[in-house]
Amino acid sequence: MTANRRRGEIDAEFDGKAYRLCLTLGALAELEAAYAADDLGALVERFSRGRLSAQDMIRVIGAGLRGAGNEISDDAVAAMRSETGAAGFAAVVSDLLTTTFGTAGAETPNP
């Protein structure tokens, strides 16, 4: 089964295991709370700058994993590995944000 991008889903691999990620409304609300953002526009603005920290990537990936039904903590996400290192995590974040928000979040994060 492949991700349904029309529903905002993407597939990714961490630690050699396939995962589905999706920024549902609940996941987006989680990110709004984490960043003290007033609304989705503030999140889009933050993410469209293309400059995300490692902590930002952990939060976005964690929220996306939980949004797709994976019970996983941000601490567990922080311990995960990508076959292509930090660039792999940045690519997942970019793909997830682009799938969720369109081109507004399309800048590839600079880890």
PDB file of N, CA and C in Angstrom:
ATOM      1  N   MET A   1       0.853  -1.174   0.000  1.00  0.00           N
ATOM      2  CA  MET A   1       0.000   0.000   0.000  1.00  0.00           C
ATOM      3  C   MET A   1       0.901   1.240   0.000  1.00  0.00           C
ATOM      4  N   THR A   2       0.577   2.185  -0.846  1.00  0.00           N
ATOM      5  CA  THR A   2       1.362   3.416  -0.905  1.00  0.00           C
ATOM      6  C   THR A   2       0.563   4.569  -0.314  1.00  0.00           C
ATOM      7  N   ALA A   3       1.272   5.583   0.077  1.00  0.00           N
ATOM      8  CA  ALA A   3       0.664   6.755   0.690  1.00  0.00           C
ATOM      9  C   ALA A   3      -0.278   7.433  -0.300  1.00  0.00           C
ATOM     10  N   ASN A   4      -1.359   7.983   0.217  1.00  0.00           N
ATOM     11  CA  ASN A   4      -2.310   8.751  -0.581  1.00  0.00           C
ATOM     12  C   ASN A   4      -1.969  10.226  -0.404  1.00  0.00           C
ATOM     13  N   ARG A   5      -1.233  10.775  -1.358  1.00  0.00           N
ATOM     14  CA  ARG A   5      -0.770  12.161  -1.252  1.00  0.00           C
ATOM     15  C   ARG A   5      -1.939  13.141  -1.257  1.00  0.00           C
ATOM     16  N   ARG A   6      -3.058  12.780  -1.848  1.00  0.00           N
ATOM     17  CA  ARG A   6      -4.232  13.673  -1.825  1.00  0.00           C
ATOM     18  C   ARG A   6      -4.788  13.833  -0.418  1.00  0.00           C
ATOM     19  N   ARG A   7      -4.528  12.853   0.426  1.00  0.00           N
ATOM     20  CA  ARG A   7      -4.934  12.957   1.831  1.00  0.00           C
ATOM     21  C   ARG A   7      -3.802  13.497   2.689  1.00  0.00           C
ATOM     22  N   GLY A   8      -2.694  13.896   2.068  1.00  0.00           N
ATOM     23  CA  GLY A   8      -1.577  14.463   2.804  1.00  0.00           C
ATOM     24  C   GLY A   8      -0.605  13.440   3.351  1.00  0.00           C
ATOM     25  N   GLU A   9      -0.686  12.198   2.884  1.00  0.00           N
ATOM     26  CA  GLU A   9       0.181  11.145   3.389  1.00  0.00           C
ATOM     27  C   GLU A   9       1.467  11.048   2.564  1.00  0.00           C
ATOM     28  N   ILE A  10       2.553  10.688   3.247  1.00  0.00           N
ATOM     29  CA  ILE A  10       3.803  10.340   2.570  1.00  0.00           C
ATOM     30  C   ILE A  10       4.349   9.073   3.220  1.00  0.00           C
ATOM     31  N   ASP A  11       5.232   8.400   2.498  1.00  0.00           N
ATOM     32  CA  ASP A  11       5.943   7.248   3.038  1.00  0.00           C
ATOM     33  C   ASP A  11       7.385   7.639   3.296  1.00  0.00           C
ATOM     34  N   ALA A  12       7.973   7.079   4.334  1.00  0.00           N
ATOM     35  CA  ALA A  12       9.376   7.323   4.655  1.00  0.00           C
ATOM     36  C   ALA A  12       9.936   6.073   5.315  1.00  0.00           C
ATOM     37  N   GLU A  13      11.253   5.999   5.341  1.00  0.00           N
ATOM     38  CA  GLU A  13      11.916   4.871   5.982  1.00  0.00           C
ATOM     39  C   GLU A  13      12.902   5.373   7.026  1.00  0.00           C
ATOM     40  N   PHE A  14      12.768   4.838   8.228  1.00  0.00           N
ATOM     41  CA  PHE A  14      13.680   5.148   9.324  1.00  0.00           C
ATOM     42  C   PHE A  14      14.105   3.835   9.963  1.00  0.00           C
ATOM     43  N   ASP A  15      15.369   3.707  10.281  1.00  0.00           N
ATOM     44  CA  ASP A  15      15.908   2.481  10.884  1.00  0.00           C
ATOM     45  C   ASP A  15      15.552   1.245  10.063  1.00  0.00           C
ATOM     46  N   GLY A  16      15.459   1.401   8.740  1.00  0.00           N
ATOM     47  CA  GLY A  16      15.150   0.283   7.864  1.00  0.00           C
ATOM     48  C   GLY A  16      13.699  -0.151   7.882  1.00  0.00           C
ATOM     49  N   LYS A  17      12.831   0.620   8.521  1.00  0.00           N
ATOM     50  CA  LYS A  17      11.410   0.281   8.617  1.00  0.00           C
ATOM     51  C   LYS A  17      10.580   1.335   7.887  1.00  0.00           C
ATOM     52  N   ALA A  18       9.588   0.871   7.140  1.00  0.00           N
ATOM     53  CA  ALA A  18       8.708   1.782   6.405  1.00  0.00           C
ATOM     54  C   ALA A  18       7.659   2.374   7.340  1.00  0.00           C
ATOM     55  N   TYR A  19       7.428   3.672   7.181  1.00  0.00           N
ATOM     56  CA  TYR A  19       6.432   4.390   7.972  1.00  0.00           C
ATOM     57  C   TYR A  19       5.562   5.245   7.049  1.00  0.00           C
ATOM     58  N   ARG A  20       4.365   5.505   7.482  1.00  0.00           N
ATOM     59  CA  ARG A  20       3.488   6.469   6.832  1.00  0.00           C
ATOM     60  C   ARG A  20       3.427   7.688   7.744  1.00  0.00           C
ATOM     61  N   LEU A  21       3.445   8.896   7.170  1.00  0.00           N
ATOM     62  CA  LEU A  21       3.336  10.149   7.917  1.00  0.00           C
ATOM     63  C   LEU A  21       2.202  10.972   7.332  1.00  0.00           C
ATOM     64  N   CYS A  22       1.508  11.710   8.190  1.00  0.00           N
ATOM     65  CA  CYS A  22       0.430  12.589   7.747  1.00  0.00           C
ATOM     66  C   CYS A  22       0.224  13.684   8.788  1.00  0.00           C
ATOM     67  N   LEU A  23       0.193  14.916   8.329  1.00  0.00           N
ATOM     68  CA  LEU A  23      -0.080  16.024   9.248  1.00  0.00           C
ATOM     69  C   LEU A  23      -1.588  16.273   9.265  1.00  0.00           C
ATOM     70  N   THR A  24      -2.271  15.496  10.114  1.00  0.00           N
ATOM     71  CA  THR A  24      -3.710  15.654  10.314  1.00  0.00           C
ATOM     72  C   THR A  24      -3.973  16.964  11.062  1.00  0.00           C
ATOM     73  N   LEU A  25      -5.241  17.309  11.228  1.00  0.00           N
ATOM     74  CA  LEU A  25      -5.556  18.509  12.011  1.00  0.00           C
ATOM     75  C   LEU A  25      -5.009  18.396  13.427  1.00  0.00           C
ATOM     76  N   GLY A  26      -5.097  17.210  14.004  1.00  0.00           N
ATOM     77  CA  GLY A  26      -4.543  17.006  15.339  1.00  0.00           C
ATOM     78  C   GLY A  26      -3.036  17.202  15.376  1.00  0.00           C
ATOM     79  N   ALA A  27      -2.353  16.684  14.356  1.00  0.00           N
ATOM     80  CA  ALA A  27      -0.897  16.848  14.272  1.00  0.00           C
ATOM     81  C   ALA A  27      -0.533  18.311  14.068  1.00  0.00           C
ATOM     82  N   LEU A  28      -1.304  19.007  13.238  1.00  0.00           N
ATOM     83  CA  LEU A  28      -1.055  20.440  13.036  1.00  0.00           C
ATOM     84  C   LEU A  28      -1.310  21.228  14.314  1.00  0.00           C
ATOM     85  N   ALA A  29      -2.353  20.859  15.063  1.00  0.00           N
ATOM     86  CA  ALA A  29      -2.625  21.515  16.347  1.00  0.00           C
ATOM     87  C   ALA A  29      -1.473  21.273  17.317  1.00  0.00           C
ATOM     88  N   GLU A  30      -0.903  20.075  17.284  1.00  0.00           N
ATOM     89  CA  GLU A  30       0.260  19.755  18.118  1.00  0.00           C
ATOM     90  C   GLU A  30       1.425  20.681  17.773  1.00  0.00           C
ATOM     91  N   LEU A  31       1.658  20.892  16.475  1.00  0.00           N
ATOM     92  CA  LEU A  31       2.740  21.777  16.058  1.00  0.00           C
ATOM     93  C   LEU A  31       2.443  23.226  16.406  1.00  0.00           C
ATOM     94  N   GLU A  32       1.183  23.660  16.258  1.00  0.00           N
ATOM     95  CA  GLU A  32       0.821  25.029  16.663  1.00  0.00           C
ATOM     96  C   GLU A  32       1.153  25.243  18.132  1.00  0.00           C
ATOM     97  N   ALA A  33       0.814  24.264  18.972  1.00  0.00           N
ATOM     98  CA  ALA A  33       1.083  24.375  20.408  1.00  0.00           C
ATOM     99  C   ALA A  33       2.590  24.375  20.675  1.00  0.00           C
ATOM    100  N   ALA A  34       3.330  23.520  19.995  1.00  0.00           N
ATOM    101  CA  ALA A  34       4.778  23.430  20.209  1.00  0.00           C
ATOM    102  C   ALA A  34       5.488  24.728  19.847  1.00  0.00           C
ATOM    103  N   TYR A  35       4.980  25.423  18.828  1.00  0.00           N
ATOM    104  CA  TYR A  35       5.612  26.662  18.368  1.00  0.00           C
ATOM    105  C   TYR A  35       4.877  27.912  18.823  1.00  0.00           C
ATOM    106  N   ALA A  36       3.869  27.750  19.666  1.00  0.00           N
ATOM    107  CA  ALA A  36       3.052  28.879  20.123  1.00  0.00           C
ATOM    108  C   ALA A  36       2.577  29.710  18.933  1.00  0.00           C
ATOM    109  N   ALA A  37       2.160  29.013  17.873  1.00  0.00           N
ATOM    110  CA  ALA A  37       1.672  29.674  16.660  1.00  0.00           C
ATOM    111  C   ALA A  37       0.185  29.961  16.815  1.00  0.00           C
ATOM    112  N   ASP A  38      -0.229  31.136  16.390  1.00  0.00           N
ATOM    113  CA  ASP A  38      -1.635  31.526  16.507  1.00  0.00           C
ATOM    114  C   ASP A  38      -2.537  30.786  15.528  1.00  0.00           C
ATOM    115  N   ASP A  39      -1.976  30.390  14.378  1.00  0.00           N
ATOM    116  CA  ASP A  39      -2.791  29.750  13.351  1.00  0.00           C
ATOM    117  C   ASP A  39      -1.901  29.012  12.364  1.00  0.00           C
ATOM    118  N   LEU A  40      -2.540  28.362  11.386  1.00  0.00           N
ATOM    119  CA  LEU A  40      -1.783  27.615  10.388  1.00  0.00           C
ATOM    120  C   LEU A  40      -0.901  28.524   9.541  1.00  0.00           C
ATOM    121  N   GLY A  41      -1.365  29.735   9.294  1.00  0.00           N
ATOM    122  CA  GLY A  41      -0.561  30.688   8.527  1.00  0.00           C
ATOM    123  C   GLY A  41       0.783  30.946   9.177  1.00  0.00           C
ATOM    124  N   ALA A  42       0.789  31.016  10.500  1.00  0.00           N
ATOM    125  CA  ALA A  42       2.050  31.225  11.217  1.00  0.00           C
ATOM    126  C   ALA A  42       2.968  30.016  11.067  1.00  0.00           C
ATOM    127  N   LEU A  43       2.388  28.805  11.057  1.00  0.00           N
ATOM    128  CA  LEU A  43       3.204  27.610  10.832  1.00  0.00           C
ATOM    129  C   LEU A  43       3.786  27.609   9.423  1.00  0.00           C
ATOM    130  N   VAL A  44       2.947  27.925   8.432  1.00  0.00           N
ATOM    131  CA  VAL A  44       3.417  27.960   7.044  1.00  0.00           C
ATOM    132  C   VAL A  44       4.556  28.967   6.912  1.00  0.00           C
ATOM    133  N   GLU A  45       4.385  30.134   7.515  1.00  0.00           N
ATOM    134  CA  GLU A  45       5.428  31.160   7.455  1.00  0.00           C
ATOM    135  C   GLU A  45       6.729  30.650   8.064  1.00  0.00           C
ATOM    136  N   ARG A  46       6.629  30.006   9.217  1.00  0.00           N
ATOM    137  CA  ARG A  46       7.823  29.492   9.889  1.00  0.00           C
ATOM    138  C   ARG A  46       8.525  28.445   9.026  1.00  0.00           C
ATOM    139  N   PHE A  47       7.751  27.511   8.486  1.00  0.00           N
ATOM    140  CA  PHE A  47       8.344  26.412   7.737  1.00  0.00           C
ATOM    141  C   PHE A  47       8.807  26.832   6.340  1.00  0.00           C
ATOM    142  N   SER A  48       8.223  27.859   5.770  1.00  0.00           N
ATOM    143  CA  SER A  48       8.583  28.259   4.408  1.00  0.00           C
ATOM    144  C   SER A  48       9.925  28.990   4.347  1.00  0.00           C
ATOM    145  N   ARG A  49      10.492  29.321   5.479  1.00  0.00           N
ATOM    146  CA  ARG A  49      11.803  29.988   5.505  1.00  0.00           C
ATOM    147  C   ARG A  49      12.927  29.064   5.055  1.00  0.00           C
ATOM    148  N   GLY A  50      12.678  27.747   5.109  1.00  0.00           N
ATOM    149  CA  GLY A  50      13.692  26.799   4.675  1.00  0.00           C
ATOM    150  C   GLY A  50      14.813  26.578   5.669  1.00  0.00           C
ATOM    151  N   ARG A  51      14.681  27.127   6.865  1.00  0.00           N
ATOM    152  CA  ARG A  51      15.713  26.977   7.893  1.00  0.00           C
ATOM    153  C   ARG A  51      15.086  26.339   9.121  1.00  0.00           C
ATOM    154  N   LEU A  52      15.269  25.030   9.237  1.00  0.00           N
ATOM    155  CA  LEU A  52      14.727  24.307  10.368  1.00  0.00           C
ATOM    156  C   LEU A  52      15.857  23.669  11.156  1.00  0.00           C
ATOM    157  N   SER A  53      15.721  23.679  12.468  1.00  0.00           N
ATOM    158  CA  SER A  53      16.705  23.032  13.330  1.00  0.00           C
ATOM    159  C   SER A  53      16.427  21.530  13.387  1.00  0.00           C
ATOM    160  N   ALA A  54      17.355  20.803  13.955  1.00  0.00           N
ATOM    161  CA  ALA A  54      17.146  19.370  14.159  1.00  0.00           C
ATOM    162  C   ALA A  54      15.916  19.147  15.037  1.00  0.00           C
ATOM    163  N   GLN A  55      15.733  19.996  16.056  1.00  0.00           N
ATOM    164  CA  GLN A  55      14.553  19.875  16.920  1.00  0.00           C
ATOM    165  C   GLN A  55      13.270  20.105  16.128  1.00  0.00           C
ATOM    166  N   ASP A  56      13.293  21.064  15.197  1.00  0.00           N
ATOM    167  CA  ASP A  56      12.137  21.292  14.331  1.00  0.00           C
ATOM    168  C   ASP A  56      11.813  20.034  13.529  1.00  0.00           C
ATOM    169  N   MET A  57      12.848  19.412  12.970  1.00  0.00           N
ATOM    170  CA  MET A  57      12.620  18.209  12.158  1.00  0.00           C
ATOM    171  C   MET A  57      12.070  17.078  13.009  1.00  0.00           C
ATOM    172  N   ILE A  58      12.575  16.924  14.230  1.00  0.00           N
ATOM    173  CA  ILE A  58      12.055  15.897  15.136  1.00  0.00           C
ATOM    174  C   ILE A  58      10.572  16.140  15.397  1.00  0.00           C
ATOM    175  N   ARG A  59      10.201  17.385  15.685  1.00  0.00           N
ATOM    176  CA  ARG A  59       8.795  17.708  15.974  1.00  0.00           C
ATOM    177  C   ARG A  59       7.886  17.449  14.781  1.00  0.00           C
ATOM    178  N   VAL A  60       8.309  17.877  13.592  1.00  0.00           N
ATOM    179  CA  VAL A  60       7.477  17.710  12.399  1.00  0.00           C
ATOM    180  C   VAL A  60       7.341  16.228  12.056  1.00  0.00           C
ATOM    181  N   ILE A  61       8.452  15.500  12.071  1.00  0.00           N
ATOM    182  CA  ILE A  61       8.391  14.073  11.764  1.00  0.00           C
ATOM    183  C   ILE A  61       7.570  13.338  12.820  1.00  0.00           C
ATOM    184  N   GLY A  62       7.778  13.665  14.086  1.00  0.00           N
ATOM    185  CA  GLY A  62       6.996  13.034  15.150  1.00  0.00           C
ATOM    186  C   GLY A  62       5.513  13.290  15.002  1.00  0.00           C
ATOM    187  N   ALA A  63       5.146  14.536  14.735  1.00  0.00           N
ATOM    188  CA  ALA A  63       3.726  14.868  14.551  1.00  0.00           C
ATOM    189  C   ALA A  63       3.161  14.134  13.336  1.00  0.00           C
ATOM    190  N   GLY A  64       3.956  14.050  12.260  1.00  0.00           N
ATOM    191  CA  GLY A  64       3.507  13.334  11.069  1.00  0.00           C
ATOM    192  C   GLY A  64       3.328  11.845  11.310  1.00  0.00           C
ATOM    193  N   LEU A  65       4.248  11.258  12.062  1.00  0.00           N
ATOM    194  CA  LEU A  65       4.121   9.835  12.397  1.00  0.00           C
ATOM    195  C   LEU A  65       2.886   9.587  13.259  1.00  0.00           C
ATOM    196  N   ARG A  66       2.693  10.416  14.279  1.00  0.00           N
ATOM    197  CA  ARG A  66       1.529  10.248  15.152  1.00  0.00           C
ATOM    198  C   ARG A  66       0.235  10.520  14.389  1.00  0.00           C
ATOM    199  N   GLY A  67       0.264  11.504  13.474  1.00  0.00           N
ATOM    200  CA  GLY A  67      -0.912  11.805  12.670  1.00  0.00           C
ATOM    201  C   GLY A  67      -1.334  10.638  11.798  1.00  0.00           C
ATOM    202  N   ALA A  68      -0.385   9.801  11.431  1.00  0.00           N
ATOM    203  CA  ALA A  68      -0.680   8.627  10.607  1.00  0.00           C
ATOM    204  C   ALA A  68      -0.969   7.391  11.460  1.00  0.00           C
ATOM    205  N   GLY A  69      -1.027   7.568  12.789  1.00  0.00           N
ATOM    206  CA  GLY A  69      -1.417   6.467  13.665  1.00  0.00           C
ATOM    207  C   GLY A  69      -0.288   5.718  14.333  1.00  0.00           C
ATOM    208  N   ASN A  70       0.935   6.186  14.182  1.00  0.00           N
ATOM    209  CA  ASN A  70       2.069   5.546  14.846  1.00  0.00           C
ATOM    210  C   ASN A  70       2.209   6.113  16.249  1.00  0.00           C
ATOM    211  N   GLU A  71       2.246   5.248  17.238  1.00  0.00           N
ATOM    212  CA  GLU A  71       2.436   5.707  18.614  1.00  0.00           C
ATOM    213  C   GLU A  71       3.929   5.774  18.876  1.00  0.00           C
ATOM    214  N   ILE A  72       4.461   6.988  18.739  1.00  0.00           N
ATOM    215  CA  ILE A  72       5.905   7.173  18.860  1.00  0.00           C
ATOM    216  C   ILE A  72       6.180   8.549  19.457  1.00  0.00           C
ATOM    217  N   SER A  73       7.112   8.600  20.365  1.00  0.00           N
ATOM    218  CA  SER A  73       7.447   9.859  21.023  1.00  0.00           C
ATOM    219  C   SER A  73       8.500  10.624  20.223  1.00  0.00           C
ATOM    220  N   ASP A  74       8.617  11.905  20.504  1.00  0.00           N
ATOM    221  CA  ASP A  74       9.670  12.691  19.874  1.00  0.00           C
ATOM    222  C   ASP A  74      11.051  12.173  20.287  1.00  0.00           C
ATOM    223  N   ASP A  75      11.182  11.660  21.509  1.00  0.00           N
ATOM    224  CA  ASP A  75      12.463  11.082  21.942  1.00  0.00           C
ATOM    225  C   ASP A  75      12.826   9.880  21.073  1.00  0.00           C
ATOM    226  N   ALA A  76      11.827   9.058  20.733  1.00  0.00           N
ATOM    227  CA  ALA A  76      12.081   7.907  19.863  1.00  0.00           C
ATOM    228  C   ALA A  76      12.447   8.369  18.450  1.00  0.00           C
ATOM    229  N   VAL A  77      11.789   9.421  17.969  1.00  0.00           N
ATOM    230  CA  VAL A  77      12.116   9.976  16.652  1.00  0.00           C
ATOM    231  C   VAL A  77      13.565  10.473  16.656  1.00  0.00           C
ATOM    232  N   ALA A  78      13.964  11.134  17.722  1.00  0.00           N
ATOM    233  CA  ALA A  78      15.324  11.672  17.820  1.00  0.00           C
ATOM    234  C   ALA A  78      16.380  10.575  17.735  1.00  0.00           C
ATOM    235  N   ALA A  79      16.046   9.366  18.153  1.00  0.00           N
ATOM    236  CA  ALA A  79      16.993   8.256  18.129  1.00  0.00           C
ATOM    237  C   ALA A  79      16.984   7.500  16.798  1.00  0.00           C
ATOM    238  N   MET A  80      16.048   7.815  15.914  1.00  0.00           N
ATOM    239  CA  MET A  80      15.950   7.113  14.629  1.00  0.00           C
ATOM    240  C   MET A  80      17.084   7.512  13.697  1.00  0.00           C
ATOM    241  N   ARG A  81      17.331   6.648  12.731  1.00  0.00           N
ATOM    242  CA  ARG A  81      18.350   6.918  11.714  1.00  0.00           C
ATOM    243  C   ARG A  81      17.724   6.874  10.334  1.00  0.00           C
ATOM    244  N   SER A  82      18.241   7.716   9.466  1.00  0.00           N
ATOM    245  CA  SER A  82      17.863   7.723   8.064  1.00  0.00           C
ATOM    246  C   SER A  82      19.071   7.239   7.274  1.00  0.00           C
ATOM    247  N   GLU A  83      18.816   6.448   6.245  1.00  0.00           N
ATOM    248  CA  GLU A  83      19.909   5.910   5.435  1.00  0.00           C
ATOM    249  C   GLU A  83      20.801   7.014   4.872  1.00  0.00           C
ATOM    250  N   THR A  84      20.214   8.197   4.633  1.00  0.00           N
ATOM    251  CA  THR A  84      20.985   9.305   4.059  1.00  0.00           C
ATOM    252  C   THR A  84      21.274  10.403   5.088  1.00  0.00           C
ATOM    253  N   GLY A  85      21.211  10.063   6.357  1.00  0.00           N
ATOM    254  CA  GLY A  85      21.577  10.994   7.415  1.00  0.00           C
ATOM    255  C   GLY A  85      20.645  12.183   7.543  1.00  0.00           C
ATOM    256  N   ALA A  86      21.198  13.300   7.981  1.00  0.00           N
ATOM    257  CA  ALA A  86      20.392  14.507   8.216  1.00  0.00           C
ATOM    258  C   ALA A  86      19.676  14.958   6.949  1.00  0.00           C
ATOM    259  N   ALA A  87      20.319  14.788   5.796  1.00  0.00           N
ATOM    260  CA  ALA A  87      19.689  15.171   4.533  1.00  0.00           C
ATOM    261  C   ALA A  87      18.426  14.355   4.288  1.00  0.00           C
ATOM    262  N   GLY A  88      18.420  13.100   4.707  1.00  0.00           N
ATOM    263  CA  GLY A  88      17.235  12.258   4.561  1.00  0.00           C
ATOM    264  C   GLY A  88      16.081  12.761   5.407  1.00  0.00           C
ATOM    265  N   PHE A  89      16.373  13.174   6.633  1.00  0.00           N
ATOM    266  CA  PHE A  89      15.337  13.731   7.496  1.00  0.00           C
ATOM    267  C   PHE A  89      14.802  15.038   6.912  1.00  0.00           C
ATOM    268  N   ALA A  90      15.708  15.873   6.401  1.00  0.00           N
ATOM    269  CA  ALA A  90      15.292  17.138   5.799  1.00  0.00           C
ATOM    270  C   ALA A  90      14.397  16.899   4.588  1.00  0.00           C
ATOM    271  N   ALA A  91      14.723  15.887   3.789  1.00  0.00           N
ATOM    272  CA  ALA A  91      13.904  15.568   2.613  1.00  0.00           C
ATOM    273  C   ALA A  91      12.513  15.098   3.023  1.00  0.00           C
ATOM    274  N   VAL A  92      12.421  14.308   4.093  1.00  0.00           N
ATOM    275  CA  VAL A  92      11.119  13.844   4.582  1.00  0.00           C
ATOM    276  C   VAL A  92      10.292  15.038   5.054  1.00  0.00           C
ATOM    277  N   VAL A  93      10.911  15.935   5.819  1.00  0.00           N
ATOM    278  CA  VAL A  93      10.196  17.119   6.308  1.00  0.00           C
ATOM    279  C   VAL A  93       9.713  17.968   5.134  1.00  0.00           C
ATOM    280  N   SER A  94      10.576  18.194   4.161  1.00  0.00           N
ATOM    281  CA  SER A  94      10.202  18.989   2.994  1.00  0.00           C
ATOM    282  C   SER A  94       9.037  18.349   2.248  1.00  0.00           C
ATOM    283  N   ASP A  95       9.104  17.038   2.027  1.00  0.00           N
ATOM    284  CA  ASP A  95       8.040  16.331   1.320  1.00  0.00           C
ATOM    285  C   ASP A  95       6.729  16.396   2.102  1.00  0.00           C
ATOM    286  N   LEU A  96       6.814  16.207   3.420  1.00  0.00           N
ATOM    287  CA  LEU A  96       5.607  16.233   4.251  1.00  0.00           C
ATOM    288  C   LEU A  96       4.963  17.625   4.247  1.00  0.00           C
ATOM    289  N   LEU A  97       5.781  18.657   4.398  1.00  0.00           N
ATOM    290  CA  LEU A  97       5.248  20.022   4.402  1.00  0.00           C
ATOM    291  C   LEU A  97       4.683  20.409   3.035  1.00  0.00           C
ATOM    292  N   THR A  98       5.354  20.003   1.973  1.00  0.00           N
ATOM    293  CA  THR A  98       4.860  20.307   0.628  1.00  0.00           C
ATOM    294  C   THR A  98       3.549  19.582   0.364  1.00  0.00           C
ATOM    295  N   THR A  99       3.458  18.336   0.790  1.00  0.00           N
ATOM    296  CA  THR A  99       2.230  17.569   0.607  1.00  0.00           C
ATOM    297  C   THR A  99       1.087  18.173   1.408  1.00  0.00           C
ATOM    298  N   THR A 100       1.392  18.681   2.595  1.00  0.00           N
ATOM    299  CA  THR A 100       0.363  19.257   3.465  1.00  0.00           C
ATOM    300  C   THR A 100      -0.055  20.651   3.026  1.00  0.00           C
ATOM    301  N   PHE A 101       0.922  21.516   2.750  1.00  0.00           N
ATOM    302  CA  PHE A 101       0.640  22.929   2.499  1.00  0.00           C
ATOM    303  C   PHE A 101       0.777  23.352   1.045  1.00  0.00           C
ATOM    304  N   GLY A 102       1.263  22.493   0.174  1.00  0.00           N
ATOM    305  CA  GLY A 102       1.534  22.892  -1.201  1.00  0.00           C
ATOM    306  C   GLY A 102       2.881  23.573  -1.286  1.00  0.00           C
ATOM    307  N   THR A 103       3.047  24.428  -2.255  1.00  0.00           N
ATOM    308  CA  THR A 103       4.360  25.039  -2.478  1.00  0.00           C
ATOM    309  C   THR A 103       4.753  26.031  -1.385  1.00  0.00           C
ATOM    310  N   ALA A 104       3.828  26.419  -0.512  1.00  0.00           N
ATOM    311  CA  ALA A 104       4.163  27.360   0.559  1.00  0.00           C
ATOM    312  C   ALA A 104       5.216  26.783   1.490  1.00  0.00           C
ATOM    313  N   GLY A 105       5.261  25.458   1.631  1.00  0.00           N
ATOM    314  CA  GLY A 105       6.247  24.840   2.501  1.00  0.00           C
ATOM    315  C   GLY A 105       7.330  24.131   1.721  1.00  0.00           C
ATOM    316  N   ALA A 106       7.503  24.493   0.434  1.00  0.00           N
ATOM    317  CA  ALA A 106       8.345  23.715  -0.468  1.00  0.00           C
ATOM    318  C   ALA A 106       9.833  23.900  -0.289  1.00  0.00           C
ATOM    319  N   GLU A 107      10.297  24.925   0.379  1.00  0.00           N
ATOM    320  CA  GLU A 107      11.730  25.123   0.562  1.00  0.00           C
ATOM    321  C   GLU A 107      12.310  23.902   1.278  1.00  0.00           C
ATOM    322  N   THR A 108      13.400  23.362   0.770  1.00  0.00           N
ATOM    323  CA  THR A 108      14.053  22.248   1.431  1.00  0.00           C
ATOM    324  C   THR A 108      14.720  22.762   2.687  1.00  0.00           C
ATOM    325  N   PRO A 109      14.366  22.155   3.850  1.00  0.00           N
ATOM    326  CA  PRO A 109      14.980  22.618   5.089  1.00  0.00           C
ATOM    327  C   PRO A 109      16.486  22.463   5.048  1.00  0.00           C
ATOM    328  N   ASN A 110      17.173  23.416   5.602  1.00  0.00           N
ATOM    329  CA  ASN A 110      18.620  23.400   5.689  1.00  0.00           C
ATOM    330  C   ASN A 110      18.982  22.961   7.105  1.00  0.00           C
ATOM    331  N   PRO A 111      19.387  21.661   7.270  1.00  0.00           N
ATOM    332  CA  PRO A 111      19.636  21.163   8.628  1.00  0.00           C
ATOM    333  C   PRO A 111      20.810  21.835   9.303  1.00  0.00           C
TER     334      PRO A 111
END
